[in-house]
Amino acid sequence: MMEAAAHSHPGYGFEKHAGYATVVHRRAIIELGPCPLHRMSFRPLRKD
């Protein structure tokens, strides 16, 4: 699944970290914004 996600949503490194909130992944979210696969309930993405 994560390999497919990496192909459809390049730049997030899904193939390397499997969606865990690594520093690289969080930087990609800041630079690219969240993609449809990101859980908007995840604290850094949540708009409380």
PDB file of N, CA and C in Angstrom:
ATOM      1  N   MET A   1       0.820  -1.187   0.000  1.00  0.00           N
ATOM      2  CA  MET A   1       0.000   0.000   0.000  1.00  0.00           C
ATOM      3  C   MET A   1       0.871   1.261   0.000  1.00  0.00           C
ATOM      4  N   MET A   2       1.917   1.255   0.804  1.00  0.00           N
ATOM      5  CA  MET A   2       2.752   2.449   0.901  1.00  0.00           C
ATOM      6  C   MET A   2       3.559   2.684  -0.374  1.00  0.00           C
ATOM      7  N   GLU A   3       3.927   1.621  -1.082  1.00  0.00           N
ATOM      8  CA  GLU A   3       4.596   1.788  -2.376  1.00  0.00           C
ATOM      9  C   GLU A   3       3.647   2.467  -3.361  1.00  0.00           C
ATOM     10  N   ALA A   4       2.389   2.052  -3.372  1.00  0.00           N
ATOM     11  CA  ALA A   4       1.389   2.671  -4.256  1.00  0.00           C
ATOM     12  C   ALA A   4       1.173   4.125  -3.856  1.00  0.00           C
ATOM     13  N   ALA A   5       1.137   4.392  -2.566  1.00  0.00           N
ATOM     14  CA  ALA A   5       0.963   5.766  -2.079  1.00  0.00           C
ATOM     15  C   ALA A   5       2.138   6.636  -2.514  1.00  0.00           C
ATOM     16  N   ALA A   6       3.326   6.072  -2.513  1.00  0.00           N
ATOM     17  CA  ALA A   6       4.511   6.823  -2.926  1.00  0.00           C
ATOM     18  C   ALA A   6       4.432   7.193  -4.404  1.00  0.00           C
ATOM     19  N   HIS A   7       3.820   6.329  -5.205  1.00  0.00           N
ATOM     20  CA  HIS A   7       3.682   6.617  -6.635  1.00  0.00           C
ATOM     21  C   HIS A   7       2.590   7.655  -6.884  1.00  0.00           C
ATOM     22  N   SER A   8       1.480   7.551  -6.159  1.00  0.00           N
ATOM     23  CA  SER A   8       0.394   8.506  -6.390  1.00  0.00           C
ATOM     24  C   SER A   8       0.590   9.832  -5.675  1.00  0.00           C
ATOM     25  N   HIS A   9       1.408   9.855  -4.646  1.00  0.00           N
ATOM     26  CA  HIS A   9       1.657  11.082  -3.875  1.00  0.00           C
ATOM     27  C   HIS A   9       3.166  11.225  -3.646  1.00  0.00           C
ATOM     28  N   PRO A  10       3.914  11.540  -4.716  1.00  0.00           N
ATOM     29  CA  PRO A  10       5.369  11.648  -4.573  1.00  0.00           C
ATOM     30  C   PRO A  10       5.776  12.833  -3.694  1.00  0.00           C
ATOM     31  N   GLY A  11       6.905  12.693  -3.075  1.00  0.00           N
ATOM     32  CA  GLY A  11       7.450  13.783  -2.271  1.00  0.00           C
ATOM     33  C   GLY A  11       7.327  13.587  -0.779  1.00  0.00           C
ATOM     34  N   TYR A  12       6.457  12.677  -0.362  1.00  0.00           N
ATOM     35  CA  TYR A  12       6.261  12.443   1.071  1.00  0.00           C
ATOM     36  C   TYR A  12       7.151  11.327   1.606  1.00  0.00           C
ATOM     37  N   GLY A  13       7.756  10.539   0.715  1.00  0.00           N
ATOM     38  CA  GLY A  13       8.629   9.450   1.148  1.00  0.00           C
ATOM     39  C   GLY A  13       7.891   8.279   1.753  1.00  0.00           C
ATOM     40  N   PHE A  14       6.641   8.072   1.362  1.00  0.00           N
ATOM     41  CA  PHE A  14       5.859   6.971   1.934  1.00  0.00           C
ATOM     42  C   PHE A  14       6.561   5.625   1.811  1.00  0.00           C
ATOM     43  N   GLU A  15       7.337   5.434   0.739  1.00  0.00           N
ATOM     44  CA  GLU A  15       8.024   4.155   0.538  1.00  0.00           C
ATOM     45  C   GLU A  15       9.131   3.926   1.558  1.00  0.00           C
ATOM     46  N   LYS A  16       9.563   4.964   2.239  1.00  0.00           N
ATOM     47  CA  LYS A  16      10.671   4.840   3.186  1.00  0.00           C
ATOM     48  C   LYS A  16      10.234   4.758   4.644  1.00  0.00           C
ATOM     49  N   HIS A  17       9.176   5.446   5.010  1.00  0.00           N
ATOM     50  CA  HIS A  17       8.824   5.495   6.432  1.00  0.00           C
ATOM     51  C   HIS A  17       7.453   4.939   6.755  1.00  0.00           C
ATOM     52  N   ALA A  18       6.739   4.434   5.761  1.00  0.00           N
ATOM     53  CA  ALA A  18       5.446   3.773   5.956  1.00  0.00           C
ATOM     54  C   ALA A  18       4.419   4.647   6.672  1.00  0.00           C
ATOM     55  N   GLY A  19       4.523   5.945   6.522  1.00  0.00           N
ATOM     56  CA  GLY A  19       3.508   6.825   7.080  1.00  0.00           C
ATOM     57  C   GLY A  19       3.752   7.286   8.503  1.00  0.00           C
ATOM     58  N   TYR A  20       4.813   6.797   9.136  1.00  0.00           N
ATOM     59  CA  TYR A  20       5.104   7.264  10.485  1.00  0.00           C
ATOM     60  C   TYR A  20       5.568   8.711  10.438  1.00  0.00           C
ATOM     61  N   ALA A  21       5.325   9.443  11.476  1.00  0.00           N
ATOM     62  CA  ALA A  21       5.621  10.883  11.513  1.00  0.00           C
ATOM     63  C   ALA A  21       7.114  11.140  11.747  1.00  0.00           C
ATOM     64  N   THR A  22       7.921  10.786  10.787  1.00  0.00           N
ATOM     65  CA  THR A  22       9.351  11.060  10.887  1.00  0.00           C
ATOM     66  C   THR A  22       9.594  12.546  10.607  1.00  0.00           C
ATOM     67  N   VAL A  23      10.764  13.017  10.909  1.00  0.00           N
ATOM     68  CA  VAL A  23      11.113  14.412  10.653  1.00  0.00           C
ATOM     69  C   VAL A  23      10.982  14.712   9.155  1.00  0.00           C
ATOM     70  N   VAL A  24      11.467  13.806   8.318  1.00  0.00           N
ATOM     71  CA  VAL A  24      11.389  13.987   6.864  1.00  0.00           C
ATOM     72  C   VAL A  24       9.932  14.082   6.414  1.00  0.00           C
ATOM     73  N   HIS A  25       9.097  13.213   6.956  1.00  0.00           N
ATOM     74  CA  HIS A  25       7.673  13.201   6.599  1.00  0.00           C
ATOM     75  C   HIS A  25       6.997  14.510   7.021  1.00  0.00           C
ATOM     76  N   ARG A  26       7.277  14.957   8.217  1.00  0.00           N
ATOM     77  CA  ARG A  26       6.668  16.214   8.698  1.00  0.00           C
ATOM     78  C   ARG A  26       7.128  17.404   7.877  1.00  0.00           C
ATOM     79  N   ARG A  27       8.391  17.407   7.471  1.00  0.00           N
ATOM     80  CA  ARG A  27       8.874  18.495   6.599  1.00  0.00           C
ATOM     81  C   ARG A  27       8.149  18.483   5.266  1.00  0.00           C
ATOM     82  N   ALA A  28       7.923  17.293   4.715  1.00  0.00           N
ATOM     83  CA  ALA A  28       7.208  17.177   3.446  1.00  0.00           C
ATOM     84  C   ALA A  28       5.785  17.708   3.581  1.00  0.00           C
ATOM     85  N   ILE A  29       5.133  17.435   4.690  1.00  0.00           N
ATOM     86  CA  ILE A  29       3.778  17.948   4.903  1.00  0.00           C
ATOM     87  C   ILE A  29       3.798  19.471   4.964  1.00  0.00           C
ATOM     88  N   ILE A  30       4.792  20.042   5.619  1.00  0.00           N
ATOM     89  CA  ILE A  30       4.903  21.502   5.692  1.00  0.00           C
ATOM     90  C   ILE A  30       5.127  22.073   4.297  1.00  0.00           C
ATOM     91  N   GLU A  31       6.002  21.458   3.518  1.00  0.00           N
ATOM     92  CA  GLU A  31       6.331  21.970   2.189  1.00  0.00           C
ATOM     93  C   GLU A  31       5.236  21.710   1.160  1.00  0.00           C
ATOM     94  N   LEU A  32       4.633  20.507   1.192  1.00  0.00           N
ATOM     95  CA  LEU A  32       3.665  20.113   0.175  1.00  0.00           C
ATOM     96  C   LEU A  32       2.212  20.232   0.632  1.00  0.00           C
ATOM     97  N   GLY A  33       2.013  20.352   1.942  1.00  0.00           N
ATOM     98  CA  GLY A  33       0.660  20.310   2.486  1.00  0.00           C
ATOM     99  C   GLY A  33       0.214  18.857   2.600  1.00  0.00           C
ATOM    100  N   PRO A  34      -0.835  18.594   3.344  1.00  0.00           N
ATOM    101  CA  PRO A  34      -1.304  17.217   3.486  1.00  0.00           C
ATOM    102  C   PRO A  34      -1.931  16.726   2.180  1.00  0.00           C
ATOM    103  N   CYS A  35      -1.818  15.430   1.934  1.00  0.00           N
ATOM    104  CA  CYS A  35      -2.462  14.815   0.773  1.00  0.00           C
ATOM    105  C   CYS A  35      -3.722  14.101   1.277  1.00  0.00           C
ATOM    106  N   PRO A  36      -4.551  13.599   0.383  1.00  0.00           N
ATOM    107  CA  PRO A  36      -5.786  12.921   0.826  1.00  0.00           C
ATOM    108  C   PRO A  36      -5.567  11.719   1.741  1.00  0.00           C
ATOM    109  N   LEU A  37      -4.368  11.163   1.755  1.00  0.00           N
ATOM    110  CA  LEU A  37      -4.094  10.016   2.628  1.00  0.00           C
ATOM    111  C   LEU A  37      -3.810  10.417   4.071  1.00  0.00           C
ATOM    112  N   HIS A  38      -3.484  11.659   4.304  1.00  0.00           N
ATOM    113  CA  HIS A  38      -3.161  12.093   5.664  1.00  0.00           C
ATOM    114  C   HIS A  38      -4.416  12.191   6.521  1.00  0.00           C
ATOM    115  N   ARG A  39      -4.277  11.717   7.752  1.00  0.00           N
ATOM    116  CA  ARG A  39      -5.382  11.812   8.714  1.00  0.00           C
ATOM    117  C   ARG A  39      -5.406  13.224   9.271  1.00  0.00           C
ATOM    118  N   MET A  40      -6.469  13.921   9.015  1.00  0.00           N
ATOM    119  CA  MET A  40      -6.578  15.293   9.500  1.00  0.00           C
ATOM    120  C   MET A  40      -6.801  15.331  11.015  1.00  0.00           C
ATOM    121  N   SER A  41      -7.032  14.174  11.636  1.00  0.00           N
ATOM    122  CA  SER A  41      -7.150  14.112  13.093  1.00  0.00           C
ATOM    123  C   SER A  41      -5.774  14.033  13.753  1.00  0.00           C
ATOM    124  N   PHE A  42      -4.714  13.822  12.965  1.00  0.00           N
ATOM    125  CA  PHE A  42      -3.341  13.790  13.473  1.00  0.00           C
ATOM    126  C   PHE A  42      -3.021  15.164  14.042  1.00  0.00           C
ATOM    127  N   ARG A  43      -2.570  15.236  15.269  1.00  0.00           N
ATOM    128  CA  ARG A  43      -2.394  16.495  16.012  1.00  0.00           C
ATOM    129  C   ARG A  43      -1.739  17.622  15.200  1.00  0.00           C
ATOM    130  N   PRO A  44      -0.615  17.386  14.517  1.00  0.00           N
ATOM    131  CA  PRO A  44      -0.011  18.496  13.770  1.00  0.00           C
ATOM    132  C   PRO A  44      -0.878  19.026  12.619  1.00  0.00           C
ATOM    133  N   LEU A  45      -1.834  18.239  12.152  1.00  0.00           N
ATOM    134  CA  LEU A  45      -2.691  18.664  11.047  1.00  0.00           C
ATOM    135  C   LEU A  45      -4.048  19.170  11.511  1.00  0.00           C
ATOM    136  N   ARG A  46      -4.404  18.856  12.743  1.00  0.00           N
ATOM    137  CA  ARG A  46      -5.720  19.195  13.270  1.00  0.00           C
ATOM    138  C   ARG A  46      -5.899  20.693  13.412  1.00  0.00           C
ATOM    139  N   LYS A  47      -7.057  21.144  13.114  1.00  0.00           N
ATOM    140  CA  LYS A  47      -7.401  22.555  13.309  1.00  0.00           C
ATOM    141  C   LYS A  47      -8.395  22.643  14.458  1.00  0.00           C
ATOM    142  N   ASP A  48      -7.885  22.804  15.666  1.00  0.00           N
ATOM    143  CA  ASP A  48      -8.772  22.863  16.854  1.00  0.00           C
ATOM    144  C   ASP A  48      -9.353  24.244  17.027  1.00  0.00           C
TER     145      ASP A  48
END
